[in-house]
Structure formats: structure tokens, C-alpha cells
Amino acid sequence: MSKILNINIDNIKINDLLSLLKEGVIVTPNVDHLMKLQSDKEFYEVYQNSDYRLCDSKLLQIASKFLKQPIVEKISGSDFFPAFCKYHKDNKDIKIFLLGSASESIVNKAMCNINSQYNRDIIIQGLAPSFGFENNSAENKSIINMINTSGATVLAVGVGAPKQEKWIMEHKSSLPNIKIFMAIGATIDFEAGNIKRAPLWISNSGLEWLYRLLSEPKRLWKRYLIDDIPFFWLILKQKLNLYKNPWEEN
């Protein structure tokens, strides 16, 4: 376990996690999450109640080495999800419901692409919720009913942070058949081919944020160029033992 700012991140390899994982809530911290966790107490509490926190950023991995708490492997949601599907391709008990993306066509494309790889319907159903669905009690009730009647045992939610993590924690008690909950960000779009992932060498060099910024500048410029920049100052403060968790009493 590595402590970076105000969260603990699991120091685990993807193959060990795949063999270990039987149930629980998975979140995938990156720099943007770390910054949100400094000002969003509800998001922080969701993180505290999650079961697995995977390093979803090469920059976090570099920061962990700087802090002398090295994380052995970067495991982004968009890497873990396909690895999970491949690992369980013959496990009939694993049936996945996809919740997320901007349109039904994207979700359906992701389902078809994944299922065709394994010649079985490991993704058994999917849904693209409406914008602002998290505040619509009627739509949430309908979504929960759809998941419960689908036969799914795994729920993968990709509607962006912190919305996806908060939605999982708020509604997980109403989903008794779901054993594994994953917050997977843009993974559905990646699997559908709607958004291209950065080449591996860019991801491994810690520059995936730049690749995504150049790909979606209007949506991501504020996140990467304003909101996330203070991360480096906070890491330096932690290194100097000056950082204080805003949600812990002195």
C-alpha cells in the first residue's frame, strides 16, 4: 500500500489482482482524482469505502517513487477491464453490465467488440444513461431494475469521475446480485473504438494526459492545465512532511 496525499493506493500487479478479485468496489485513482479528493469530501468518503484503489496514472507511479513508496505497476481502468474480460472469458459466472457512454450505439458497439473476442456474451447488457441521470430518481430506479433483472454479476460504470464512483456507492446496496463494481471512466468509448487510446510508449512515458488533451482540448484543457497543476506542489509538500489531509482533524 502506498499513501499518496490523502488516499492509500494498492501496490499490486494486475495478474495478482485478477486471481484475488472475487467481490468489491474498484476505483482507479489518477492525478485528477487526487485533486478532486482535496475538495470533495463525499468523493473522499467514497474512496475510503472502496475495496481496491488501482494506480491509473504513470504520473502517480512516478510520484510514489519520489515519495519512497513505489507502486509496482500502473493499472488503468482501460487496461484492467479488458484484462478482466480475458481472464474470465470461460467463467460463466461472470456476466457484465455496462453503464455509461454518450449513446446506445457506442455501448452496443463496445458490447459487440468485446463479446466477439470471446465467442460468448460476457457483456450481457448495456445502457447509456441520460445526461444528469444521477439526479433523476425515476431513471435511477429504472436502471437499478434493469441491472437486477439482467442476470449480471459485474457492473462496470463509465460516466466520469466523481459521478461514477458516487453512483456506485449510493446504489450498490440495491444491487444484491452484483459482486464486483468497477468505475472505468472512458473505457466503454475505448472498447467501442469511439476514442483512440494513446500509444503504449506515450502511456508508459507519463504523457497520456498530453495525448488526451490534444485529442479533446475543449473538454480537457481546464482539467489538465488548471485543475491538476497543484498536484505537483502537494506532492512536494508531502515529501517535506508539510501536507495535511483536509478531511482529517488535527
Protein backbone atom coordinates (compact mmCIF):
# COMPACT_ATOMS: atom_id res chain seq x y z
CA MET A 1 0.00 0.00 0.00
CA SER A 2 1.29 3.45 -0.93
CA LYS A 3 -0.03 6.65 0.66
CA ILE A 4 -0.24 9.49 -1.85
CA LEU A 5 -1.72 12.67 -0.41
CA ASN A 6 -4.91 11.58 1.35
CA ILE A 7 -5.51 8.10 -0.07
CA ASN A 8 -3.90 4.68 0.06
CA ILE A 9 -3.25 3.07 -3.32
CA ASP A 10 -2.90 -0.69 -3.67
CA ASN A 11 0.60 -1.82 -4.57
CA ILE A 12 -0.35 -4.84 -6.64
CA LYS A 13 0.28 -6.40 -10.04
CA ILE A 14 -2.61 -6.91 -12.42
CA ASN A 15 -2.24 -10.70 -12.56
CA ASP A 16 -2.30 -10.95 -8.77
CA LEU A 17 -5.38 -8.77 -8.63
CA LEU A 18 -7.20 -10.84 -11.24
CA SER A 19 -6.63 -14.04 -9.28
CA LEU A 20 -7.55 -12.37 -5.98
CA LEU A 21 -10.66 -10.44 -7.01
CA LYS A 22 -13.93 -12.12 -6.04
CA GLU A 23 -16.02 -9.15 -4.95
CA GLY A 24 -15.75 -5.48 -4.05
CA VAL A 25 -15.66 -1.95 -5.41
CA ILE A 26 -12.76 -0.92 -7.66
CA VAL A 27 -11.72 2.70 -8.19
CA THR A 28 -8.83 3.88 -10.32
CA PRO A 29 -7.11 6.98 -8.91
CA ASN A 30 -5.23 9.34 -11.19
CA VAL A 31 -3.97 12.90 -10.79
CA ASP A 32 -7.40 14.38 -11.48
CA HIS A 33 -8.98 12.17 -8.83
CA LEU A 34 -6.31 13.13 -6.31
CA MET A 35 -7.08 16.80 -6.85
CA LYS A 36 -10.83 16.27 -6.54
CA LEU A 37 -10.19 14.37 -3.30
CA GLN A 38 -8.74 17.55 -1.80
CA SER A 39 -12.01 19.50 -2.09
CA ASP A 40 -14.84 16.94 -2.39
CA LYS A 41 -15.50 15.27 0.94
CA GLU A 42 -18.19 12.97 -0.45
CA PHE A 43 -15.77 11.71 -3.09
CA TYR A 44 -13.14 11.20 -0.40
CA GLU A 45 -15.58 9.13 1.69
CA VAL A 46 -16.43 7.03 -1.38
CA TYR A 47 -12.72 6.34 -1.82
CA GLN A 48 -12.36 5.42 1.83
CA ASN A 49 -15.16 2.88 1.46
CA SER A 50 -13.84 1.31 -1.76
CA ASP A 51 -12.11 -2.06 -1.68
CA TYR A 52 -9.45 -1.67 -4.37
CA ARG A 53 -7.67 1.52 -5.43
CA LEU A 54 -5.58 0.94 -8.54
CA CYS A 55 -2.90 3.29 -9.82
CA ASP A 56 -4.38 4.69 -13.04
CA SER A 57 -1.55 7.07 -13.87
CA LYS A 58 2.12 6.88 -14.73
CA LEU A 59 2.49 10.26 -13.00
CA LEU A 60 1.15 8.73 -9.77
CA GLN A 61 3.60 5.88 -10.13
CA ILE A 62 6.45 8.37 -10.59
CA ALA A 63 5.20 10.34 -7.57
CA SER A 64 5.16 7.15 -5.48
CA LYS A 65 8.84 6.58 -6.26
CA PHE A 66 9.64 10.18 -5.38
CA LEU A 67 7.90 9.61 -2.04
CA LYS A 68 9.86 6.37 -1.46
CA GLN A 69 6.63 4.34 -1.61
CA PRO A 70 6.99 2.83 -5.09
CA ILE A 71 3.92 1.35 -6.76
CA VAL A 72 4.91 -1.77 -8.64
CA GLU A 73 2.58 -1.39 -11.62
CA LYS A 74 0.24 1.10 -13.27
CA ILE A 75 -3.20 -0.48 -13.70
CA SER A 76 -5.54 1.88 -15.50
CA GLY A 77 -9.23 1.07 -15.75
CA SER A 78 -8.93 0.86 -19.53
CA ASP A 79 -6.21 -1.79 -19.13
CA PHE A 80 -7.81 -3.67 -16.27
CA PHE A 81 -11.27 -4.04 -17.80
CA PRO A 82 -10.20 -5.90 -20.97
CA ALA A 83 -7.75 -7.96 -18.92
CA PHE A 84 -10.62 -8.88 -16.58
CA CYS A 85 -12.78 -9.93 -19.54
CA LYS A 86 -9.98 -12.05 -20.99
CA TYR A 87 -9.22 -13.67 -17.62
CA HIS A 88 -12.89 -14.64 -17.18
CA LYS A 89 -13.68 -15.48 -20.81
CA ASP A 90 -14.62 -19.05 -19.86
CA ASN A 91 -16.12 -18.23 -16.46
CA LYS A 92 -19.88 -18.45 -16.93
CA ASP A 93 -20.43 -16.84 -13.53
CA ILE A 94 -19.00 -13.56 -14.81
CA LYS A 95 -21.73 -11.60 -16.60
CA ILE A 96 -21.10 -7.90 -17.06
CA PHE A 97 -23.49 -4.95 -17.31
CA LEU A 98 -22.06 -1.80 -18.93
CA LEU A 99 -23.45 1.55 -17.74
CA GLY A 100 -22.09 4.64 -19.43
CA SER A 101 -21.01 6.49 -22.56
CA ALA A 102 -22.92 9.09 -24.54
CA SER A 103 -25.14 6.90 -26.72
CA GLU A 104 -26.66 3.47 -27.03
CA SER A 105 -24.80 2.91 -30.30
CA ILE A 106 -21.45 3.32 -28.55
CA VAL A 107 -22.42 0.94 -25.75
CA ASN A 108 -23.72 -1.62 -28.26
CA LYS A 109 -20.54 -1.35 -30.30
CA ALA A 110 -18.42 -1.93 -27.19
CA MET A 111 -20.55 -4.96 -26.28
CA CYS A 112 -20.22 -6.44 -29.76
CA ASN A 113 -16.48 -5.85 -29.92
CA ILE A 114 -15.85 -7.47 -26.55
CA ASN A 115 -18.23 -10.41 -26.97
CA SER A 116 -16.92 -11.22 -30.43
CA GLN A 117 -13.43 -11.68 -29.00
CA TYR A 118 -14.55 -14.49 -26.69
CA ASN A 119 -17.42 -16.05 -28.65
CA ARG A 120 -19.78 -15.59 -25.74
CA ASP A 121 -21.89 -12.83 -24.23
CA ILE A 122 -19.63 -11.92 -21.32
CA ILE A 123 -21.25 -8.46 -21.63
CA ILE A 124 -24.90 -9.36 -21.25
CA GLN A 125 -26.45 -5.90 -21.35
CA GLY A 126 -25.58 -2.22 -21.55
CA LEU A 127 -27.14 1.20 -21.17
CA ALA A 128 -26.18 4.78 -21.94
CA PRO A 129 -27.96 6.84 -19.25
CA SER A 130 -29.25 10.34 -19.94
CA PHE A 131 -27.24 13.41 -19.01
CA GLY A 132 -27.88 14.17 -15.35
CA PHE A 133 -29.36 10.72 -14.70
CA GLU A 134 -27.76 10.56 -11.27
CA ASN A 135 -30.24 13.20 -10.06
CA ASN A 136 -33.30 11.58 -11.65
CA SER A 137 -34.84 9.20 -9.12
CA ALA A 138 -37.20 7.63 -11.66
CA GLU A 139 -34.38 6.91 -14.10
CA ASN A 140 -32.18 5.54 -11.34
CA LYS A 141 -34.97 3.21 -10.25
CA SER A 142 -35.34 2.02 -13.84
CA ILE A 143 -31.58 1.47 -14.20
CA ILE A 144 -31.42 -0.49 -10.96
CA ASN A 145 -34.34 -2.67 -12.04
CA MET A 146 -32.69 -3.28 -15.42
CA ILE A 147 -29.42 -4.34 -13.79
CA ASN A 148 -31.17 -6.58 -11.26
CA THR A 149 -33.20 -8.38 -13.93
CA SER A 150 -30.29 -8.72 -16.37
CA GLY A 151 -28.56 -11.53 -14.53
CA ALA A 152 -25.34 -9.52 -14.30
CA THR A 153 -22.80 -10.26 -11.57
CA VAL A 154 -20.40 -7.44 -12.50
CA LEU A 155 -21.24 -3.77 -13.03
CA ALA A 156 -18.86 -1.51 -14.97
CA VAL A 157 -19.76 2.18 -14.80
CA GLY A 158 -18.15 4.67 -17.14
CA VAL A 159 -19.74 8.10 -16.69
CA GLY A 160 -16.74 10.07 -15.45
CA ALA A 161 -15.41 10.88 -12.02
CA PRO A 162 -16.62 11.54 -9.41
CA LYS A 163 -20.11 10.75 -10.74
CA GLN A 164 -19.44 7.07 -11.43
CA GLU A 165 -17.86 6.36 -8.04
CA LYS A 166 -20.58 8.21 -6.13
CA TRP A 167 -23.33 6.44 -8.09
CA ILE A 168 -21.86 3.04 -7.31
CA MET A 169 -21.63 3.72 -3.59
CA GLU A 170 -25.10 5.24 -3.40
CA HIS A 171 -26.83 2.36 -5.15
CA LYS A 172 -24.71 -0.74 -4.54
CA SER A 173 -26.95 -1.89 -1.68
CA SER A 174 -29.86 -2.02 -4.15
CA LEU A 175 -27.91 -4.35 -6.46
CA PRO A 176 -27.64 -7.61 -4.49
CA ASN A 177 -26.60 -9.75 -7.46
CA ILE A 178 -23.59 -7.61 -8.33
CA LYS A 179 -20.42 -8.92 -6.74
CA ILE A 180 -17.86 -6.65 -8.45
CA PHE A 181 -18.31 -2.95 -9.11
CA MET A 182 -15.86 -1.10 -11.39
CA ALA A 183 -15.52 2.60 -12.11
CA ILE A 184 -13.97 2.56 -15.59
CA GLY A 185 -14.08 6.11 -16.99
CA ALA A 186 -13.73 6.29 -20.78
CA THR A 187 -13.18 2.55 -21.20
CA ILE A 188 -16.52 1.95 -22.94
CA ASP A 189 -15.58 4.51 -25.59
CA PHE A 190 -12.16 2.92 -25.99
CA GLU A 191 -13.67 -0.54 -26.40
CA ALA A 192 -16.15 0.77 -28.96
CA GLY A 193 -13.36 2.42 -30.91
CA ASN A 194 -15.08 5.77 -30.42
CA ILE A 195 -11.96 7.24 -28.80
CA LYS A 196 -8.44 6.08 -29.61
CA ARG A 197 -6.11 5.25 -26.74
CA ALA A 198 -2.64 6.69 -26.57
CA PRO A 199 0.14 4.50 -28.00
CA LEU A 200 1.78 2.34 -25.35
CA TRP A 201 5.06 4.28 -25.41
CA ILE A 202 3.19 7.52 -24.65
CA SER A 203 1.27 5.92 -21.81
CA ASN A 204 4.44 4.39 -20.33
CA SER A 205 6.28 7.70 -20.51
CA GLY A 206 3.67 9.52 -18.43
CA LEU A 207 2.41 11.63 -21.34
CA GLU A 208 -1.02 10.07 -21.87
CA TRP A 209 -2.56 13.20 -20.35
CA LEU A 210 -0.99 15.27 -23.15
CA TYR A 211 -2.24 12.86 -25.80
CA ARG A 212 -5.78 13.08 -24.42
CA LEU A 213 -5.55 16.87 -24.11
CA LEU A 214 -4.58 17.18 -27.76
CA SER A 215 -7.37 14.75 -28.70
CA GLU A 216 -10.11 16.55 -26.73
CA PRO A 217 -8.82 20.07 -25.99
CA LYS A 218 -12.21 21.74 -25.44
CA ARG A 219 -13.29 19.18 -22.84
CA LEU A 220 -9.97 18.56 -21.08
CA TRP A 221 -7.94 21.78 -21.15
CA LYS A 222 -9.18 23.04 -17.79
CA ARG A 223 -8.66 19.67 -16.09
CA TYR A 224 -5.07 19.24 -17.21
CA LEU A 225 -3.84 22.83 -17.43
CA ILE A 226 -5.53 24.37 -14.38
CA ASP A 227 -7.20 21.93 -12.00
CA ASP A 228 -4.41 19.32 -11.86
CA ILE A 229 -1.30 21.52 -11.79
CA PRO A 230 -1.31 21.98 -7.96
CA PHE A 231 -0.78 18.21 -7.63
CA PHE A 232 2.97 18.64 -8.03
CA TRP A 233 3.12 21.23 -5.24
CA LEU A 234 1.11 18.96 -2.93
CA ILE A 235 3.45 16.03 -3.63
CA LEU A 236 6.42 18.21 -2.74
CA LYS A 237 4.66 19.22 0.49
CA GLN A 238 4.11 15.53 1.30
CA LYS A 239 7.78 14.85 0.64
CA LEU A 240 8.67 17.61 3.12
CA ASN A 241 6.08 16.34 5.65
CA LEU A 242 4.05 19.53 5.25
CA TYR A 243 0.95 18.08 3.60
CA LYS A 244 -2.23 17.81 5.70
CA ASN A 245 -5.30 15.81 4.77
CA PRO A 246 -8.12 18.39 4.59
CA TRP A 247 -10.64 15.85 5.90
CA GLU A 248 -8.77 14.73 8.99
CA GLU A 249 -8.88 16.63 12.24
CA ASN A 250 -5.53 17.88 13.52
